[in-house]
Protein backbone atom coordinates (compact mmCIF):
# COMPACT_ATOMS: atom_id res chain seq x y z
CA MET A 1 63.28 4.93 -53.24
CA PRO A 2 64.09 6.89 -56.61
CA VAL A 3 66.85 9.35 -56.97
CA ALA A 4 65.57 12.89 -56.30
CA SER A 5 66.83 16.28 -57.20
CA MET A 6 66.85 19.08 -54.56
CA THR A 7 64.92 21.51 -56.74
CA GLY A 8 61.50 21.73 -57.08
CA PHE A 9 58.16 23.94 -56.26
CA ALA A 10 54.76 23.02 -55.05
CA ARG A 11 51.80 24.94 -54.36
CA PHE A 12 48.39 24.24 -52.56
CA GLU A 13 45.30 26.25 -52.06
CA GLY A 14 42.55 25.39 -49.71
CA ASP A 15 39.80 26.83 -47.49
CA ILE A 16 38.14 26.17 -44.11
CA GLY A 17 35.00 28.05 -43.07
CA ASP A 18 35.69 31.82 -43.54
CA THR A 19 39.63 31.39 -44.15
CA ALA A 20 41.24 30.58 -47.33
CA PHE A 21 44.98 29.63 -47.30
CA VAL A 22 47.85 29.10 -49.75
CA TRP A 23 51.27 26.92 -49.27
CA GLU A 24 54.00 27.52 -51.46
CA LEU A 25 57.18 25.50 -51.16
CA ARG A 26 60.33 26.14 -52.96
CA SER A 27 63.31 24.01 -52.81
CA VAL A 28 67.08 24.47 -54.02
CA ASN A 29 70.26 22.84 -53.59
CA GLY A 30 71.90 22.75 -50.01
CA LYS A 31 74.63 20.89 -48.21
CA GLY A 32 72.02 19.87 -45.46
CA LEU A 33 68.40 20.27 -44.76
CA GLU A 34 67.54 23.99 -44.21
CA LEU A 35 63.82 24.99 -43.81
CA ARG A 36 62.93 28.62 -43.95
CA LEU A 37 59.25 29.29 -42.72
CA ARG A 38 57.13 32.35 -43.21
CA LEU A 39 53.93 31.90 -41.14
CA PRO A 40 51.35 34.62 -40.79
CA GLN A 41 50.63 35.81 -37.24
CA GLY A 42 48.63 33.50 -35.24
CA MET A 43 49.91 30.41 -36.97
CA GLU A 44 53.38 30.37 -35.25
CA SER A 45 52.40 27.13 -33.52
CA LEU A 46 52.50 25.09 -36.83
CA GLU A 47 56.17 25.29 -36.96
CA VAL A 48 57.05 22.24 -34.78
CA ASP A 49 54.62 20.01 -36.85
CA ILE A 50 56.00 21.65 -40.33
CA ARG A 51 59.54 20.67 -39.44
CA ARG A 52 58.58 17.22 -38.11
CA MET A 53 56.62 16.47 -41.53
CA ALA A 54 59.31 17.97 -43.76
CA GLY A 55 62.16 16.13 -41.95
CA ALA A 56 60.41 12.86 -42.43
CA ARG A 57 60.22 13.33 -46.30
CA LEU A 58 63.22 15.43 -47.08
CA SER A 59 67.08 14.79 -46.58
CA ARG A 60 68.72 17.86 -48.14
CA GLY A 61 67.99 21.05 -49.81
CA ASN A 62 67.30 24.65 -48.97
CA VAL A 63 63.41 24.92 -48.60
CA GLN A 64 61.37 27.86 -48.47
CA ILE A 65 57.96 27.47 -46.71
CA ASN A 66 55.43 30.11 -47.19
CA LEU A 67 51.91 30.20 -45.74
CA ALA A 68 49.33 32.92 -46.67
CA LEU A 69 45.85 33.25 -44.89
CA ARG A 70 42.86 35.41 -46.28
CA ARG A 71 39.36 35.77 -44.77
CA THR A 72 36.46 35.42 -47.09
CA ASP A 73 33.62 36.26 -44.96
CA ASP A 74 31.60 39.53 -44.95
CA ALA A 75 33.14 43.08 -44.70
CA PRO A 76 35.00 43.80 -41.49
CA VAL A 77 33.01 45.27 -38.66
CA PHE A 78 34.12 48.75 -37.58
CA THR A 79 34.09 50.03 -33.87
CA VAL A 80 34.16 53.65 -32.47
CA ASN A 81 36.01 54.41 -29.31
CA GLU A 82 33.53 56.75 -27.59
CA ALA A 83 35.62 57.70 -24.86
CA MET A 84 38.38 59.04 -27.36
CA LEU A 85 35.55 60.72 -29.49
CA SER A 86 34.15 62.43 -26.54
CA GLN A 87 37.54 64.05 -25.69
CA VAL A 88 38.43 65.07 -29.24
CA LEU A 89 34.74 66.95 -29.54
CA GLU A 90 35.15 68.53 -26.20
CA LEU A 91 38.75 69.80 -27.25
CA SER A 92 37.41 70.94 -30.59
CA ASP A 93 34.59 72.84 -28.81
CA ARG A 94 37.03 74.64 -26.74
CA LEU A 95 39.15 75.55 -29.69
CA ILE A 96 36.24 76.71 -31.58
CA THR A 97 34.96 78.99 -28.67
CA GLY A 98 38.40 80.60 -28.38
CA GLY A 99 38.49 81.37 -31.74
CA HIS A 100 41.38 79.00 -32.45
CA ALA A 101 39.81 76.76 -35.10
CA VAL A 102 36.72 76.07 -37.16
CA ALA A 103 34.23 73.64 -36.92
CA PRO A 104 35.66 70.15 -37.90
CA THR A 105 34.12 67.98 -40.55
CA ALA A 106 32.84 64.35 -39.73
CA ASP A 107 35.58 62.87 -41.94
CA GLY A 108 37.97 64.84 -40.17
CA ILE A 109 37.19 63.61 -36.76
CA LEU A 110 36.97 60.24 -37.88
CA GLY A 111 40.36 60.26 -39.46
CA VAL A 112 42.01 60.88 -36.06
CA LYS A 113 43.98 57.92 -35.31
CA GLY A 114 42.32 55.69 -32.77
CA ILE A 115 38.87 56.79 -33.27
CA ILE A 116 37.87 54.00 -35.54
CA ASP A 117 39.18 50.40 -35.42
CA VAL A 118 38.46 47.03 -36.91
CA ALA A 119 36.73 44.77 -34.56
CA GLU A 120 38.55 41.54 -34.03
CA THR A 121 36.59 38.46 -34.75
CA LEU A 122 36.93 35.86 -32.10
CA VAL A 123 37.39 32.09 -33.26
CA ASP A 124 35.93 29.49 -31.10
CA PRO A 125 38.22 26.69 -30.00
CA VAL A 126 36.55 24.08 -32.27
CA HIS A 127 36.79 26.10 -35.49
CA GLN A 128 40.44 27.01 -34.52
CA ARG A 129 41.42 23.21 -34.39
CA GLU A 130 39.65 22.54 -37.30
CA ARG A 131 41.34 25.26 -39.31
CA ARG A 132 44.67 24.15 -37.92
CA GLU A 133 44.01 20.61 -39.03
CA ALA A 134 43.13 21.70 -42.44
CA VAL A 135 45.95 23.91 -42.87
CA LEU A 136 48.44 21.07 -41.86
CA GLU A 137 46.55 18.59 -44.30
CA GLY A 138 47.10 21.18 -46.91
CA PHE A 139 50.76 21.41 -46.09
CA ALA A 140 51.05 17.66 -46.27
CA VAL A 141 49.75 17.81 -49.98
CA ALA A 142 51.96 20.60 -50.90
CA LEU A 143 54.98 18.54 -49.39
CA SER A 144 53.83 15.43 -51.45
CA ARG A 145 53.79 17.45 -54.73
CA LEU A 146 57.14 19.07 -53.93
CA CYS A 147 58.66 15.52 -53.40
CA ALA A 148 57.07 14.29 -56.53
CA MET A 149 58.59 17.24 -58.60
CA ARG A 150 62.10 16.51 -56.97
CA GLU A 151 61.62 12.79 -57.96
CA GLU A 152 60.72 13.67 -61.47
CA GLU A 153 63.84 15.95 -61.71
CA GLY A 154 65.86 13.20 -60.10
CA ALA A 155 64.91 10.73 -62.99
CA ILE A 156 66.21 13.30 -65.64
CA LEU A 157 69.26 13.59 -63.34
CA ARG A 158 69.87 9.89 -63.15
CA GLY A 159 69.71 9.41 -66.91
CA LEU A 160 72.39 12.27 -67.46
CA LEU A 161 74.54 10.49 -64.59
CA ASP A 162 74.46 7.21 -66.24
CA GLU A 163 75.44 8.83 -69.52
CA ARG A 164 78.45 10.14 -67.77
CA LEU A 165 79.41 6.81 -66.13
CA GLU A 166 79.13 5.23 -69.59
CA GLU A 167 81.62 7.69 -70.91
CA VAL A 168 84.05 7.33 -68.07
CA ALA A 169 83.91 3.57 -68.41
CA ALA A 170 84.53 3.94 -72.44
CA LEU A 171 87.41 6.32 -71.51
CA ALA A 172 88.92 4.08 -69.16
CA ALA A 173 88.73 1.22 -71.74
CA ALA A 174 90.23 3.39 -74.36
CA ALA A 175 93.25 3.96 -72.19
CA GLU A 176 93.50 0.25 -71.51
CA ARG A 177 93.66 -0.40 -75.25
CA ASP A 178 96.12 2.33 -75.87
CA PRO A 179 99.40 0.90 -77.81
CA ALA A 180 101.38 3.33 -75.66
CA ARG A 181 100.60 1.11 -72.68
CA THR A 182 102.15 -2.25 -74.15
CA LEU A 183 105.30 -3.58 -72.57
CA GLU A 184 107.11 -3.56 -75.86
CA ALA A 185 106.39 0.24 -76.52
CA ILE A 186 107.27 1.28 -72.93
CA ARG A 187 110.58 -0.80 -73.43
CA ARG A 188 111.50 0.58 -76.61
CA ARG A 189 110.74 4.26 -75.53
CA LEU A 190 113.02 3.77 -72.56
CA SER A 191 115.81 2.05 -74.45
CA ASP A 192 115.74 4.81 -76.96
CA GLN A 193 115.93 7.38 -74.04
CA VAL A 194 118.86 5.58 -72.29
CA ALA A 195 120.82 5.42 -75.74
CA LEU A 196 120.34 9.09 -75.96
CA LEU A 197 121.70 9.75 -72.55
CA LEU A 198 124.50 7.45 -73.10
CA GLU A 199 125.46 8.97 -76.30
CA ALA A 200 125.29 12.63 -74.76
CA SER A 201 127.48 11.60 -71.86
CA PRO A 202 129.42 8.21 -72.07
CA ARG A 203 130.41 8.63 -68.35
CA LEU A 204 126.84 7.68 -67.16
CA ASP A 205 126.56 4.30 -65.63
CA GLU A 206 124.58 2.24 -68.11
CA GLN A 207 123.33 -0.16 -65.68
CA ARG A 208 122.26 2.60 -63.21
CA LEU A 209 120.37 4.18 -66.02
CA HIS A 210 118.38 0.80 -66.82
CA GLN A 211 117.52 0.65 -63.22
CA GLU A 212 116.05 4.25 -63.04
CA ALA A 213 114.38 3.47 -66.26
CA ALA A 214 112.81 0.43 -64.75
CA ILE A 215 111.67 2.54 -61.77
CA LEU A 216 110.26 5.38 -64.05
CA ALA A 217 108.35 2.62 -66.12
CA ALA A 218 106.75 1.24 -62.72
CA LYS A 219 105.76 4.87 -61.72
CA ALA A 220 104.10 5.39 -65.29
CA ASP A 221 102.08 2.31 -65.20
CA ILE A 222 98.22 3.30 -64.71
CA ARG A 223 96.89 -0.03 -64.02
CA GLU A 224 95.94 0.99 -60.55
CA GLU A 225 94.24 3.92 -61.79
CA LEU A 226 92.15 2.25 -64.47
CA ASP A 227 91.04 -0.61 -61.90
CA ARG A 228 89.95 2.04 -59.25
CA LEU A 229 88.05 4.04 -62.09
CA SER A 230 86.25 0.75 -62.91
CA ALA A 231 85.50 0.09 -59.14
CA HIS A 232 84.17 3.63 -58.80
CA VAL A 233 81.83 3.35 -61.88
CA VAL A 234 80.49 0.04 -60.42
CA ALA A 235 79.87 1.75 -57.13
CA ALA A 236 78.10 4.75 -58.53
CA ARG A 237 75.70 2.52 -60.56
CA GLU A 238 75.04 0.68 -57.49
CA LEU A 239 74.22 3.76 -55.64
CA LEU A 240 71.99 5.07 -58.27
CA ALA A 241 70.21 1.70 -58.58
CA ALA A 242 69.55 1.84 -54.84
CA GLY A 243 67.97 5.28 -54.91
CA GLY A 244 67.21 7.59 -52.16
CA PRO A 245 69.41 10.39 -50.52
CA VAL A 246 72.85 9.21 -52.13
CA GLY A 247 73.83 12.77 -53.34
CA ARG A 248 76.69 12.97 -50.53
CA ARG A 249 78.14 9.43 -51.36
CA LEU A 250 78.10 10.41 -55.20
CA ASP A 251 79.96 13.76 -54.64
CA PHE A 252 82.50 11.60 -52.67
CA LEU A 253 82.84 9.23 -55.55
CA SER A 254 83.02 12.24 -58.05
CA GLN A 255 86.28 13.52 -56.20
CA GLU A 256 87.82 10.15 -56.45
CA PHE A 257 87.18 10.12 -60.16
CA ASN A 258 88.84 13.54 -60.34
CA ARG A 259 91.65 12.11 -58.45
CA GLU A 260 92.11 9.19 -60.65
CA SER A 261 91.92 11.23 -63.96
CA ASN A 262 94.50 13.60 -62.54
CA THR A 263 96.90 11.06 -61.76
CA LEU A 264 96.24 9.27 -65.09
CA CYS A 265 97.25 12.56 -66.80
CA ALA A 266 100.45 12.94 -64.53
CA LYS A 267 101.54 9.43 -65.56
CA SER A 268 100.75 9.61 -69.19
CA ASN A 269 103.81 8.79 -71.23
CA ALA A 270 102.11 9.35 -74.67
CA SER A 271 100.17 12.19 -76.08
CA SER A 272 97.18 9.64 -76.83
CA LEU A 273 96.93 8.75 -73.18
CA THR A 274 97.08 12.36 -72.33
CA ALA A 275 94.24 13.10 -74.68
CA VAL A 276 92.31 10.44 -73.05
CA GLY A 277 93.08 11.78 -69.58
CA LEU A 278 91.95 15.23 -70.59
CA GLU A 279 88.52 13.98 -72.12
CA LEU A 280 88.20 11.95 -68.85
CA LYS A 281 88.58 15.08 -66.75
CA VAL A 282 86.04 16.97 -68.79
CA VAL A 283 83.27 14.00 -68.12
CA VAL A 284 84.08 13.82 -64.56
CA ASP A 285 83.62 17.73 -63.98
CA GLN A 286 80.27 17.18 -65.75
CA PHE A 287 79.51 14.27 -63.68
CA ARG A 288 80.26 16.29 -60.52
CA GLU A 289 78.38 19.15 -61.42
CA GLN A 290 75.25 17.25 -61.96
CA VAL A 291 75.87 15.42 -58.70
CA GLN A 292 75.59 18.67 -56.84
CA ASN A 293 71.73 18.57 -57.58
CA VAL A 294 71.09 15.16 -56.11
CA GLU A 295 69.51 14.82 -52.80
């Protein structure tokens, strides 16, 4: 499976008999899969099937699913509430006879709430089942379009992530080659520091100072950090090559990258290594930011 983004949009328009329908699907980043449905009255029973279908295709993301229905048949049929109309006319006659009102107009009577209503069109079970199936088929098409768009975005994301991994590998190699990491450079720098301390305070134990310097040199070694950075680069490339919902694991690796870059900066014993470490932190932050979009 290809790497997919969590952002996308899809739309599908269809019709069945006297009903036109429109599906709109919008997807953005999310820690898990969250489906928010807006279904018209009478179509609530679709929710179970929609959640099942979406769950089979999507792993992460906040997805807004909207369905709109519109009747395409002739103008609606109006019905008159005869009993209510008779009561209104009788009351009107009494008020007119008593001199409390003037004769009402037709539009005034018909404007009374409840006198006129729109007749409900009954849908036979066969047509209702066919409409349900057609609407679900339309959702399947819209869902496929959404997945296709997320995969297109994912292909772009993968290219960006590959570039960041190349930069991480290049910076790790630069740190590996830095002259400040050579044994001779470390020995010379520590020897100079010990000599300065002895010159400032002759009472200091020279042997103890050399022991402490050796411990500091061991703590300043970034060999393990460079090895872990290389291992994380390999693991990230394997995840991207495998594809599918790898966003969570890539996010974990981005945290590991960040940890190693911080440690490298903390252990740095030369400005050149510090510069590499700071640049590494910038690249890792860019990697992590882009990973947040991966499913």
